Amino acid sequence: MNDLIAVGVDAGGTATVAALSRGGRLQSTARGGPANPSSLGTFAAAAEIAAAVREVTAGATAHALFVAAAGAGRDSAREDLLASLRLTFPQIRHVAVEDDTRVALRAALPDGPGIAIIAGTGSVAYAENGPTRVRIGGSGYVLGDEGSAFAIGLAAVRMLARVYDGRATADETTEFVARAFDALDRDALLDAVYGAPMDVPRIAALAPNVLALAGKGDRTSTKIVQTAAQDLGELARAAARQSGMQEASPTVVFAGGLLRENSLLSFLLETRITNEIPGAAVMHLRDEPARAALRFAEALL
């Protein structure tokens, strides 16, 4: 038992992180590119995950592999990704794939009723209350992902477009976006956005700077963050209502890259949740998602 190797993978819209333990002791981690099967397709996502697994195992054979994948909320996406990974790693006896929402909740709250709000490249809320499981949002950058890093970044890009149209005044936020996209005029901005397939990670990568500017009081960034907090709060309320926890003083877990550190966004969202869901208590997921996935992999053993 002491020699059994487990690998947990956090496959997100921005990056993939794999963690390996031997005999229950963390030994190594590896990092790769985005691996969301909904936005990249199953083949590309599986290839990115496989590359991270190969790097972290360094030639050793794992006994269990657990992948928490953003974009695997749909049964078809999850099953296709699982089938692809089993074909890639036939020597791994235990392989499992789940949406990243349940992992986020149970990493912070091992059991009992609770709600997880995940805001990373995308956004989603997940709630468990006894046998009831509810998933709200997570519809991707076209149909949803309100309050996510992509939504925040896109709002900033749209403000730059308004500046170039003469409908808004340039400020620190729009000047930052212009530099990030090397888009010093309207045509350059349109070329950057439409000249290739939609680059979701690139737009989402703007969000940390928008949060930082909001923390400094920049008006444009502050308004964008206020809207994001409102949208994420709506996800939390819907999850509480549909899972029967609206009046049950639920524990709400903040997870995902946008909510890992304290910011104006996390402050506004926590205030909204505690005001609108009676008795709600907020927990911040401090553990790395890959470590949480690793614990699920160890449980497979």
C-alpha atoms as a PDB file:
ATOM      1  CA  MET A   1       0.000   0.000   0.000  1.00  0.00           C
ATOM      2  CA  ASN A   2       2.871   2.372   0.751  1.00  0.00           C
ATOM      3  CA  ASP A   3       4.055   2.190  -2.859  1.00  0.00           C
ATOM      4  CA  LEU A   4       0.695   2.936  -4.507  1.00  0.00           C
ATOM      5  CA  ILE A   5       0.786   5.984  -6.756  1.00  0.00           C
ATOM      6  CA  ALA A   6      -2.179   8.311  -7.140  1.00  0.00           C
ATOM      7  CA  VAL A   7      -2.487  11.242  -9.536  1.00  0.00           C
ATOM      8  CA  GLY A   8      -5.013  14.049  -9.237  1.00  0.00           C
ATOM      9  CA  VAL A   9      -5.535  16.547 -12.036  1.00  0.00           C
ATOM     10  CA  ASP A  10      -7.200  19.942 -12.029  1.00  0.00           C
ATOM     11  CA  ALA A  11      -8.039  20.576 -15.692  1.00  0.00           C
ATOM     12  CA  GLY A  12      -9.227  24.140 -16.090  1.00  0.00           C
ATOM     13  CA  GLY A  13      -9.904  26.666 -18.790  1.00  0.00           C
ATOM     14  CA  THR A  14      -6.592  28.430 -18.183  1.00  0.00           C
ATOM     15  CA  ALA A  15      -4.191  25.713 -17.028  1.00  0.00           C
ATOM     16  CA  THR A  16      -3.852  22.054 -16.104  1.00  0.00           C
ATOM     17  CA  VAL A  17      -2.148  21.023 -12.859  1.00  0.00           C
ATOM     18  CA  ALA A  18      -1.333  17.434 -11.914  1.00  0.00           C
ATOM     19  CA  ALA A  19      -0.257  16.261  -8.448  1.00  0.00           C
ATOM     20  CA  LEU A  20       1.234  12.860  -7.550  1.00  0.00           C
ATOM     21  CA  SER A  21       1.396  11.069  -4.239  1.00  0.00           C
ATOM     22  CA  ARG A  22       3.084   7.801  -3.306  1.00  0.00           C
ATOM     23  CA  GLY A  23       1.735   6.020  -0.268  1.00  0.00           C
ATOM     24  CA  GLY A  24      -0.407   9.071   0.541  1.00  0.00           C
ATOM     25  CA  ARG A  25       2.524  11.516   0.530  1.00  0.00           C
ATOM     26  CA  LEU A  26       2.671  14.315  -2.017  1.00  0.00           C
ATOM     27  CA  GLN A  27       5.788  13.958  -4.152  1.00  0.00           C
ATOM     28  CA  SER A  28       5.524  16.117  -7.261  1.00  0.00           C
ATOM     29  CA  THR A  29       3.382  18.404  -9.394  1.00  0.00           C
ATOM     30  CA  ALA A  30       3.328  19.324 -13.066  1.00  0.00           C
ATOM     31  CA  ARG A  31       1.660  22.100 -14.997  1.00  0.00           C
ATOM     32  CA  GLY A  32       0.290  22.357 -18.531  1.00  0.00           C
ATOM     33  CA  GLY A  33      -2.022  24.417 -20.710  1.00  0.00           C
ATOM     34  CA  PRO A  34      -5.827  24.725 -20.706  1.00  0.00           C
ATOM     35  CA  ALA A  35      -7.853  21.508 -20.883  1.00  0.00           C
ATOM     36  CA  ASN A  36     -11.553  22.324 -20.921  1.00  0.00           C
ATOM     37  CA  PRO A  37     -13.247  19.722 -23.149  1.00  0.00           C
ATOM     38  CA  SER A  38     -16.219  21.988 -23.825  1.00  0.00           C
ATOM     39  CA  SER A  39     -14.139  24.778 -25.315  1.00  0.00           C
ATOM     40  CA  LEU A  40     -11.179  22.802 -26.724  1.00  0.00           C
ATOM     41  CA  GLY A  41     -12.829  19.509 -27.649  1.00  0.00           C
ATOM     42  CA  THR A  42     -12.278  16.129 -26.037  1.00  0.00           C
ATOM     43  CA  PHE A  43      -9.179  15.183 -28.037  1.00  0.00           C
ATOM     44  CA  ALA A  44      -7.244  18.378 -27.280  1.00  0.00           C
ATOM     45  CA  ALA A  45      -8.280  18.380 -23.611  1.00  0.00           C
ATOM     46  CA  ALA A  46      -7.332  14.726 -23.146  1.00  0.00           C
ATOM     47  CA  ALA A  47      -3.970  15.339 -24.823  1.00  0.00           C
ATOM     48  CA  GLU A  48      -3.178  18.221 -22.468  1.00  0.00           C
ATOM     49  CA  ILE A  49      -4.205  16.186 -19.422  1.00  0.00           C
ATOM     50  CA  ALA A  50      -2.179  13.201 -20.630  1.00  0.00           C
ATOM     51  CA  ALA A  51       0.912  15.390 -21.076  1.00  0.00           C
ATOM     52  CA  ALA A  52       0.624  16.631 -17.489  1.00  0.00           C
ATOM     53  CA  VAL A  53       0.137  13.091 -16.178  1.00  0.00           C
ATOM     54  CA  ARG A  54       3.177  11.815 -18.073  1.00  0.00           C
ATOM     55  CA  GLU A  55       5.287  14.672 -16.762  1.00  0.00           C
ATOM     56  CA  VAL A  56       4.268  14.198 -13.138  1.00  0.00           C
ATOM     57  CA  THR A  57       4.675  10.407 -13.206  1.00  0.00           C
ATOM     58  CA  ALA A  58       8.054  10.586 -14.988  1.00  0.00           C
ATOM     59  CA  GLY A  59       7.773   7.051 -16.305  1.00  0.00           C
ATOM     60  CA  ALA A  60       6.224   5.481 -13.212  1.00  0.00           C
ATOM     61  CA  THR A  61       2.874   3.713 -13.454  1.00  0.00           C
ATOM     62  CA  ALA A  62       0.058   5.294 -11.495  1.00  0.00           C
ATOM     63  CA  HIS A  63      -2.522   3.084  -9.812  1.00  0.00           C
ATOM     64  CA  ALA A  64      -5.289   5.689  -9.711  1.00  0.00           C
ATOM     65  CA  LEU A  65      -6.060   8.800 -11.748  1.00  0.00           C
ATOM     66  CA  PHE A  66      -8.754  11.308 -10.869  1.00  0.00           C
ATOM     67  CA  VAL A  67      -9.453  14.272 -13.132  1.00  0.00           C
ATOM     68  CA  ALA A  68     -11.543  17.235 -12.039  1.00  0.00           C
ATOM     69  CA  ALA A  69     -12.331  18.969 -15.316  1.00  0.00           C
ATOM     70  CA  ALA A  70     -13.989  22.276 -15.980  1.00  0.00           C
ATOM     71  CA  GLY A  71     -16.438  21.699 -18.816  1.00  0.00           C
ATOM     72  CA  ALA A  72     -17.174  18.113 -17.797  1.00  0.00           C
ATOM     73  CA  GLY A  73     -20.542  18.934 -16.278  1.00  0.00           C
ATOM     74  CA  ARG A  74     -22.330  17.446 -19.264  1.00  0.00           C
ATOM     75  CA  ASP A  75     -22.611  13.666 -19.176  1.00  0.00           C
ATOM     76  CA  SER A  76     -21.454  13.348 -22.792  1.00  0.00           C
ATOM     77  CA  ALA A  77     -18.344  15.488 -22.250  1.00  0.00           C
ATOM     78  CA  ARG A  78     -17.427  13.641 -19.063  1.00  0.00           C
ATOM     79  CA  GLU A  79     -17.915  10.187 -20.596  1.00  0.00           C
ATOM     80  CA  ASP A  80     -15.980  11.066 -23.755  1.00  0.00           C
ATOM     81  CA  LEU A  81     -13.069  12.413 -21.715  1.00  0.00           C
ATOM     82  CA  LEU A  82     -13.087   9.358 -19.458  1.00  0.00           C
ATOM     83  CA  ALA A  83     -13.071   7.003 -22.456  1.00  0.00           C
ATOM     84  CA  SER A  84     -10.184   8.900 -24.042  1.00  0.00           C
ATOM     85  CA  LEU A  85      -8.085   8.799 -20.861  1.00  0.00           C
ATOM     86  CA  ARG A  86      -8.729   5.080 -20.360  1.00  0.00           C
ATOM     87  CA  LEU A  87      -7.499   4.441 -23.898  1.00  0.00           C
ATOM     88  CA  THR A  88      -4.442   6.610 -23.291  1.00  0.00           C
ATOM     89  CA  PHE A  89      -3.596   5.009 -19.941  1.00  0.00           C
ATOM     90  CA  PRO A  90      -4.794   1.383 -20.089  1.00  0.00           C
ATOM     91  CA  GLN A  91      -2.273   0.453 -17.408  1.00  0.00           C
ATOM     92  CA  ILE A  92      -3.958   2.664 -14.776  1.00  0.00           C
ATOM     93  CA  ARG A  93      -6.447   0.469 -12.959  1.00  0.00           C
ATOM     94  CA  HIS A  94      -8.672   3.206 -11.499  1.00  0.00           C
ATOM     95  CA  VAL A  95      -9.571   6.202 -13.690  1.00  0.00           C
ATOM     96  CA  ALA A  96     -12.350   8.672 -12.896  1.00  0.00           C
ATOM     97  CA  VAL A  97     -13.464  12.019 -14.305  1.00  0.00           C
ATOM     98  CA  GLU A  98     -15.800  14.485 -12.642  1.00  0.00           C
ATOM     99  CA  ASP A  99     -16.848  18.052 -13.108  1.00  0.00           C
ATOM    100  CA  ASP A 100     -14.688  20.296 -10.928  1.00  0.00           C
ATOM    101  CA  THR A 101     -17.622  21.614  -8.889  1.00  0.00           C
ATOM    102  CA  ARG A 102     -18.087  18.716  -6.469  1.00  0.00           C
ATOM    103  CA  VAL A 103     -14.347  18.496  -5.903  1.00  0.00           C
ATOM    104  CA  ALA A 104     -14.250  22.177  -4.953  1.00  0.00           C
ATOM    105  CA  LEU A 105     -17.081  21.751  -2.454  1.00  0.00           C
ATOM    106  CA  ARG A 106     -15.734  18.587  -0.829  1.00  0.00           C
ATOM    107  CA  ALA A 107     -12.167  19.841  -0.708  1.00  0.00           C
ATOM    108  CA  ALA A 108     -13.308  22.509   1.755  1.00  0.00           C
ATOM    109  CA  LEU A 109     -16.349  20.786   3.241  1.00  0.00           C
ATOM    110  CA  PRO A 110     -15.789  17.009   3.464  1.00  0.00           C
ATOM    111  CA  ASP A 111     -19.439  16.176   4.101  1.00  0.00           C
ATOM    112  CA  GLY A 112     -22.837  17.651   4.837  1.00  0.00           C
ATOM    113  CA  PRO A 113     -24.906  20.223   2.932  1.00  0.00           C
ATOM    114  CA  GLY A 114     -23.119  23.083   1.246  1.00  0.00           C
ATOM    115  CA  ILE A 115     -22.726  25.315  -1.778  1.00  0.00           C
ATOM    116  CA  ALA A 116     -19.633  25.979  -3.881  1.00  0.00           C
ATOM    117  CA  ILE A 117     -19.210  29.100  -5.982  1.00  0.00           C
ATOM    118  CA  ILE A 118     -16.416  28.643  -8.507  1.00  0.00           C
ATOM    119  CA  ALA A 119     -15.119  31.655 -10.386  1.00  0.00           C
ATOM    120  CA  GLY A 120     -12.145  30.954 -12.597  1.00  0.00           C
ATOM    121  CA  THR A 121     -11.976  31.233 -16.367  1.00  0.00           C
ATOM    122  CA  GLY A 122     -15.675  30.331 -16.227  1.00  0.00           C
ATOM    123  CA  SER A 123     -18.211  30.375 -13.407  1.00  0.00           C
ATOM    124  CA  VAL A 124     -20.610  27.883 -11.848  1.00  0.00           C
ATOM    125  CA  ALA A 125     -22.415  27.167  -8.588  1.00  0.00           C
ATOM    126  CA  TYR A 126     -22.895  23.685  -7.141  1.00  0.00           C
ATOM    127  CA  ALA A 127     -24.948  22.598  -4.133  1.00  0.00           C
ATOM    128  CA  GLU A 128     -25.456  19.343  -2.254  1.00  0.00           C
ATOM    129  CA  ASN A 129     -28.193  18.885   0.313  1.00  0.00           C
ATOM    130  CA  GLY A 130     -28.686  15.228   1.181  1.00  0.00           C
ATOM    131  CA  PRO A 131     -29.599  13.427  -2.059  1.00  0.00           C
ATOM    132  CA  THR A 132     -30.254  16.724  -3.850  1.00  0.00           C
ATOM    133  CA  ARG A 133     -27.516  17.933  -6.165  1.00  0.00           C
ATOM    134  CA  VAL A 134     -27.886  21.192  -8.062  1.00  0.00           C
ATOM    135  CA  ARG A 135     -25.612  22.790 -10.668  1.00  0.00           C
ATOM    136  CA  ILE A 136     -26.278  26.389 -11.711  1.00  0.00           C
ATOM    137  CA  GLY A 137     -24.453  28.161 -14.527  1.00  0.00           C
ATOM    138  CA  GLY A 138     -21.351  26.731 -16.145  1.00  0.00           C
ATOM    139  CA  SER A 139     -22.870  27.243 -19.591  1.00  0.00           C
ATOM    140  CA  GLY A 140     -19.636  28.440 -21.165  1.00  0.00           C
ATOM    141  CA  TYR A 141     -18.421  31.771 -22.460  1.00  0.00           C
ATOM    142  CA  VAL A 142     -21.144  32.078 -25.128  1.00  0.00           C
ATOM    143  CA  LEU A 143     -24.217  31.307 -23.018  1.00  0.00           C
ATOM    144  CA  GLY A 144     -23.080  32.039 -19.486  1.00  0.00           C
ATOM    145  CA  ASP A 145     -19.994  32.257 -17.253  1.00  0.00           C
ATOM    146  CA  GLU A 146     -21.312  35.441 -15.656  1.00  0.00           C
ATOM    147  CA  GLY A 147     -18.919  36.905 -13.105  1.00  0.00           C
ATOM    148  CA  SER A 148     -16.029  34.795 -14.395  1.00  0.00           C
ATOM    149  CA  ALA A 149     -12.537  35.884 -15.366  1.00  0.00           C
ATOM    150  CA  PHE A 150     -13.607  35.727 -19.000  1.00  0.00           C
ATOM    151  CA  ALA A 151     -16.671  37.895 -18.326  1.00  0.00           C
ATOM    152  CA  ILE A 152     -14.569  40.444 -16.431  1.00  0.00           C
ATOM    153  CA  GLY A 153     -11.899  40.521 -19.127  1.00  0.00           C
ATOM    154  CA  LEU A 154     -14.470  40.822 -21.904  1.00  0.00           C
ATOM    155  CA  ALA A 155     -16.188  43.714 -20.132  1.00  0.00           C
ATOM    156  CA  ALA A 156     -12.847  45.529 -20.036  1.00  0.00           C
ATOM    157  CA  VAL A 157     -12.249  44.846 -23.746  1.00  0.00           C
ATOM    158  CA  ARG A 158     -15.714  46.163 -24.549  1.00  0.00           C
ATOM    159  CA  MET A 159     -14.943  49.348 -22.647  1.00  0.00           C
ATOM    160  CA  LEU A 160     -11.876  49.877 -24.824  1.00  0.00           C
ATOM    161  CA  ALA A 161     -14.074  49.488 -27.908  1.00  0.00           C
ATOM    162  CA  ARG A 162     -16.364  52.176 -26.489  1.00  0.00           C
ATOM    163  CA  VAL A 163     -13.365  54.451 -25.982  1.00  0.00           C
ATOM    164  CA  TYR A 164     -12.348  54.030 -29.630  1.00  0.00           C
ATOM    165  CA  ASP A 165     -15.951  54.819 -30.633  1.00  0.00           C
ATOM    166  CA  GLY A 166     -15.848  58.028 -28.606  1.00  0.00           C
ATOM    167  CA  ARG A 167     -18.547  56.759 -26.227  1.00  0.00           C
ATOM    168  CA  ALA A 168     -16.290  56.493 -23.168  1.00  0.00           C
ATOM    169  CA  THR A 169     -13.201  58.176 -21.772  1.00  0.00           C
ATOM    170  CA  ALA A 170      -9.889  56.349 -21.603  1.00  0.00           C
ATOM    171  CA  ASP A 171      -8.632  55.444 -18.134  1.00  0.00           C
ATOM    172  CA  GLU A 172      -6.217  53.022 -16.491  1.00  0.00           C
ATOM    173  CA  THR A 173      -8.424  50.044 -17.301  1.00  0.00           C
ATOM    174  CA  THR A 174      -8.755  50.707 -21.011  1.00  0.00           C
ATOM    175  CA  GLU A 175      -5.117  51.746 -21.330  1.00  0.00           C
ATOM    176  CA  PHE A 176      -4.100  48.421 -19.742  1.00  0.00           C
ATOM    177  CA  VAL A 177      -6.277  46.474 -22.196  1.00  0.00           C
ATOM    178  CA  ALA A 178      -4.836  48.401 -25.146  1.00  0.00           C
ATOM    179  CA  ARG A 179      -1.323  47.448 -24.054  1.00  0.00           C
ATOM    180  CA  ALA A 180      -2.255  43.822 -23.339  1.00  0.00           C
ATOM    181  CA  PHE A 181      -3.766  43.392 -26.824  1.00  0.00           C
ATOM    182  CA  ASP A 182      -1.241  45.675 -28.564  1.00  0.00           C
ATOM    183  CA  ALA A 183      -4.315  47.489 -29.882  1.00  0.00           C
ATOM    184  CA  LEU A 184      -3.702  51.217 -30.054  1.00  0.00           C
ATOM    185  CA  ASP A 185      -6.669  51.898 -32.331  1.00  0.00           C
ATOM    186  CA  ARG A 186     -10.047  50.409 -33.230  1.00  0.00           C
ATOM    187  CA  ASP A 187      -8.844  48.343 -36.197  1.00  0.00           C
ATOM    188  CA  ALA A 188      -6.033  46.806 -34.153  1.00  0.00           C
ATOM    189  CA  LEU A 189      -8.504  45.861 -31.429  1.00  0.00           C
ATOM    190  CA  LEU A 190     -10.887  44.232 -33.904  1.00  0.00           C
ATOM    191  CA  ASP A 191      -7.986  42.343 -35.486  1.00  0.00           C
ATOM    192  CA  ALA A 192      -6.864  41.122 -32.056  1.00  0.00           C
ATOM    193  CA  VAL A 193     -10.317  39.875 -31.129  1.00  0.00           C
ATOM    194  CA  TYR A 194     -11.638  38.610 -34.461  1.00  0.00           C
ATOM    195  CA  GLY A 195      -8.456  37.868 -36.393  1.00  0.00           C
ATOM    196  CA  ALA A 196      -8.309  34.328 -34.954  1.00  0.00           C
ATOM    197  CA  PRO A 197     -10.663  31.955 -33.100  1.00  0.00           C
ATOM    198  CA  MET A 198     -11.867  33.349 -29.782  1.00  0.00           C
ATOM    199  CA  ASP A 199      -8.941  33.209 -27.336  1.00  0.00           C
ATOM    200  CA  VAL A 200     -10.811  32.647 -24.079  1.00  0.00           C
ATOM    201  CA  PRO A 201      -7.708  32.255 -21.843  1.00  0.00           C
ATOM    202  CA  ARG A 202      -6.184  35.456 -23.212  1.00  0.00           C
ATOM    203  CA  ILE A 203      -9.291  37.481 -22.396  1.00  0.00           C
ATOM    204  CA  ALA A 204      -9.696  35.779 -19.001  1.00  0.00           C
ATOM    205  CA  ALA A 205      -6.073  36.632 -18.185  1.00  0.00           C
ATOM    206  CA  LEU A 206      -7.059  40.308 -18.049  1.00  0.00           C
ATOM    207  CA  ALA A 207      -9.204  39.751 -14.955  1.00  0.00           C
ATOM    208  CA  PRO A 208      -6.511  39.828 -12.229  1.00  0.00           C
ATOM    209  CA  ASN A 209      -5.407  43.260 -13.396  1.00  0.00           C
ATOM    210  CA  VAL A 210      -8.995  44.482 -13.466  1.00  0.00           C
ATOM    211  CA  LEU A 211      -9.400  43.282  -9.864  1.00  0.00           C
ATOM    212  CA  ALA A 212      -6.186  45.064  -8.908  1.00  0.00           C
ATOM    213  CA  LEU A 213      -7.309  48.290 -10.554  1.00  0.00           C
ATOM    214  CA  ALA A 214     -10.681  48.034  -8.832  1.00  0.00           C
ATOM    215  CA  GLY A 215      -8.858  47.662  -5.532  1.00  0.00           C
ATOM    216  CA  LYS A 216      -7.092  50.948  -6.288  1.00  0.00           C
ATOM    217  CA  GLY A 217     -10.399  52.687  -6.977  1.00  0.00           C
ATOM    218  CA  ASP A 218     -10.372  52.805 -10.790  1.00  0.00           C
ATOM    219  CA  ARG A 219     -13.958  53.606 -11.723  1.00  0.00           C
ATOM    220  CA  THR A 220     -14.277  51.402 -14.807  1.00  0.00           C
ATOM    221  CA  SER A 221     -12.757  48.344 -13.122  1.00  0.00           C
ATOM    222  CA  THR A 222     -14.841  48.931  -9.993  1.00  0.00           C
ATOM    223  CA  LYS A 223     -18.075  48.930 -12.011  1.00  0.00           C
ATOM    224  CA  ILE A 224     -17.009  45.748 -13.810  1.00  0.00           C
ATOM    225  CA  VAL A 225     -16.241  44.019 -10.497  1.00  0.00           C
ATOM    226  CA  GLN A 226     -19.529  45.173  -8.969  1.00  0.00           C
ATOM    227  CA  THR A 227     -21.404  43.586 -11.872  1.00  0.00           C
ATOM    228  CA  ALA A 228     -19.394  40.365 -11.497  1.00  0.00           C
ATOM    229  CA  ALA A 229     -20.228  40.170  -7.782  1.00  0.00           C
ATOM    230  CA  GLN A 230     -23.910  40.664  -8.546  1.00  0.00           C
ATOM    231  CA  ASP A 231     -23.846  37.895 -11.162  1.00  0.00           C
ATOM    232  CA  LEU A 232     -22.033  35.440  -8.891  1.00  0.00           C
ATOM    233  CA  GLY A 233     -24.431  36.289  -6.081  1.00  0.00           C
ATOM    234  CA  GLU A 234     -27.342  35.348  -8.330  1.00  0.00           C
ATOM    235  CA  LEU A 235     -25.726  31.953  -8.942  1.00  0.00           C
ATOM    236  CA  ALA A 236     -25.402  31.434  -5.182  1.00  0.00           C
ATOM    237  CA  ARG A 237     -29.015  32.391  -4.506  1.00  0.00           C
ATOM    238  CA  ALA A 238     -30.315  30.122  -7.245  1.00  0.00           C
ATOM    239  CA  ALA A 239     -28.251  27.211  -5.931  1.00  0.00           C
ATOM    240  CA  ALA A 240     -29.503  27.796  -2.377  1.00  0.00           C
ATOM    241  CA  ARG A 241     -33.116  28.054  -3.490  1.00  0.00           C
ATOM    242  CA  GLN A 242     -33.126  25.030  -5.783  1.00  0.00           C
ATOM    243  CA  SER A 243     -31.323  22.817  -3.258  1.00  0.00           C
ATOM    244  CA  GLY A 244     -33.650  23.778  -0.410  1.00  0.00           C
ATOM    245  CA  MET A 245     -30.999  25.669   1.561  1.00  0.00           C
ATOM    246  CA  GLN A 246     -32.294  29.236   1.229  1.00  0.00           C
ATOM    247  CA  GLU A 247     -33.379  29.223   4.886  1.00  0.00           C
ATOM    248  CA  ALA A 248     -30.956  26.572   6.155  1.00  0.00           C
ATOM    249  CA  SER A 249     -27.897  28.714   7.023  1.00  0.00           C
ATOM    250  CA  PRO A 250     -25.706  26.945   4.446  1.00  0.00           C
ATOM    251  CA  THR A 251     -21.937  26.897   4.213  1.00  0.00           C
ATOM    252  CA  VAL A 252     -20.827  28.580   0.983  1.00  0.00           C
ATOM    253  CA  VAL A 253     -17.376  27.716  -0.360  1.00  0.00           C
ATOM    254  CA  PHE A 254     -15.524  30.240  -2.515  1.00  0.00           C
ATOM    255  CA  ALA A 255     -13.311  28.471  -5.064  1.00  0.00           C
ATOM    256  CA  GLY A 256     -11.552  29.212  -8.318  1.00  0.00           C
ATOM    257  CA  GLY A 257      -8.729  31.558  -9.172  1.00  0.00           C
ATOM    258  CA  LEU A 258     -10.760  34.758  -8.858  1.00  0.00           C
ATOM    259  CA  LEU A 259     -11.921  33.986  -5.325  1.00  0.00           C
ATOM    260  CA  ARG A 260      -8.761  32.433  -3.898  1.00  0.00           C
ATOM    261  CA  GLU A 261      -7.399  35.749  -2.626  1.00  0.00           C
ATOM    262  CA  ASN A 262      -9.203  38.563  -0.857  1.00  0.00           C
ATOM    263  CA  SER A 263     -10.251  41.324  -3.265  1.00  0.00           C
ATOM    264  CA  LEU A 264     -13.068  43.761  -3.884  1.00  0.00           C
ATOM    265  CA  LEU A 265     -14.839  40.957  -5.749  1.00  0.00           C
ATOM    266  CA  SER A 266     -14.681  38.487  -2.854  1.00  0.00           C
ATOM    267  CA  PHE A 267     -15.697  41.214  -0.377  1.00  0.00           C
ATOM    268  CA  LEU A 268     -18.722  42.320  -2.409  1.00  0.00           C
ATOM    269  CA  LEU A 269     -19.774  38.737  -3.101  1.00  0.00           C
ATOM    270  CA  GLU A 270     -19.474  37.682   0.548  1.00  0.00           C
ATOM    271  CA  THR A 271     -21.476  40.738   1.628  1.00  0.00           C
ATOM    272  CA  ARG A 272     -24.186  39.966  -0.914  1.00  0.00           C
ATOM    273  CA  ILE A 273     -24.413  36.296   0.082  1.00  0.00           C
ATOM    274  CA  THR A 274     -24.584  36.933   3.827  1.00  0.00           C
ATOM    275  CA  ASN A 275     -27.231  39.606   3.270  1.00  0.00           C
ATOM    276  CA  GLU A 276     -29.386  37.577   0.899  1.00  0.00           C
ATOM    277  CA  ILE A 277     -29.023  34.002   2.209  1.00  0.00           C
ATOM    278  CA  PRO A 278     -29.967  34.057   5.920  1.00  0.00           C
ATOM    279  CA  GLY A 279     -27.306  32.554   8.171  1.00  0.00           C
ATOM    280  CA  ALA A 280     -24.913  31.725   5.330  1.00  0.00           C
ATOM    281  CA  ALA A 281     -21.283  31.198   6.361  1.00  0.00           C
ATOM    282  CA  VAL A 282     -18.544  31.693   3.760  1.00  0.00           C
ATOM    283  CA  MET A 283     -15.420  29.526   3.552  1.00  0.00           C
ATOM    284  CA  HIS A 284     -12.478  30.178   1.219  1.00  0.00           C
ATOM    285  CA  LEU A 285     -10.928  27.161  -0.462  1.00  0.00           C
ATOM    286  CA  ARG A 286      -7.236  27.648   0.275  1.00  0.00           C
ATOM    287  CA  ASP A 287      -6.045  24.255  -0.966  1.00  0.00           C
ATOM    288  CA  GLU A 288      -4.854  23.957  -4.543  1.00  0.00           C
ATOM    289  CA  PRO A 289      -7.562  22.269  -6.674  1.00  0.00           C
ATOM    290  CA  ALA A 290      -5.055  19.649  -7.866  1.00  0.00           C
ATOM    291  CA  ARG A 291      -4.413  18.666  -4.240  1.00  0.00           C
ATOM    292  CA  ALA A 292      -8.148  18.222  -3.766  1.00  0.00           C
ATOM    293  CA  ALA A 293      -8.317  16.075  -6.908  1.00  0.00           C
ATOM    294  CA  LEU A 294      -5.396  14.072  -5.539  1.00  0.00           C
ATOM    295  CA  ARG A 295      -7.375  13.198  -2.422  1.00  0.00           C
ATOM    296  CA  PHE A 296     -10.174  11.887  -4.636  1.00  0.00           C
ATOM    297  CA  ALA A 297      -7.610   9.810  -6.546  1.00  0.00           C
ATOM    298  CA  GLU A 298      -6.287   8.388  -3.272  1.00  0.00           C
ATOM    299  CA  ALA A 299      -9.845   7.483  -2.304  1.00  0.00           C
ATOM    300  CA  LEU A 300     -10.090   5.356  -5.472  1.00  0.00           C
ATOM    301  CA  LEU A 301      -7.353   3.142  -4.020  1.00  0.00           C
END
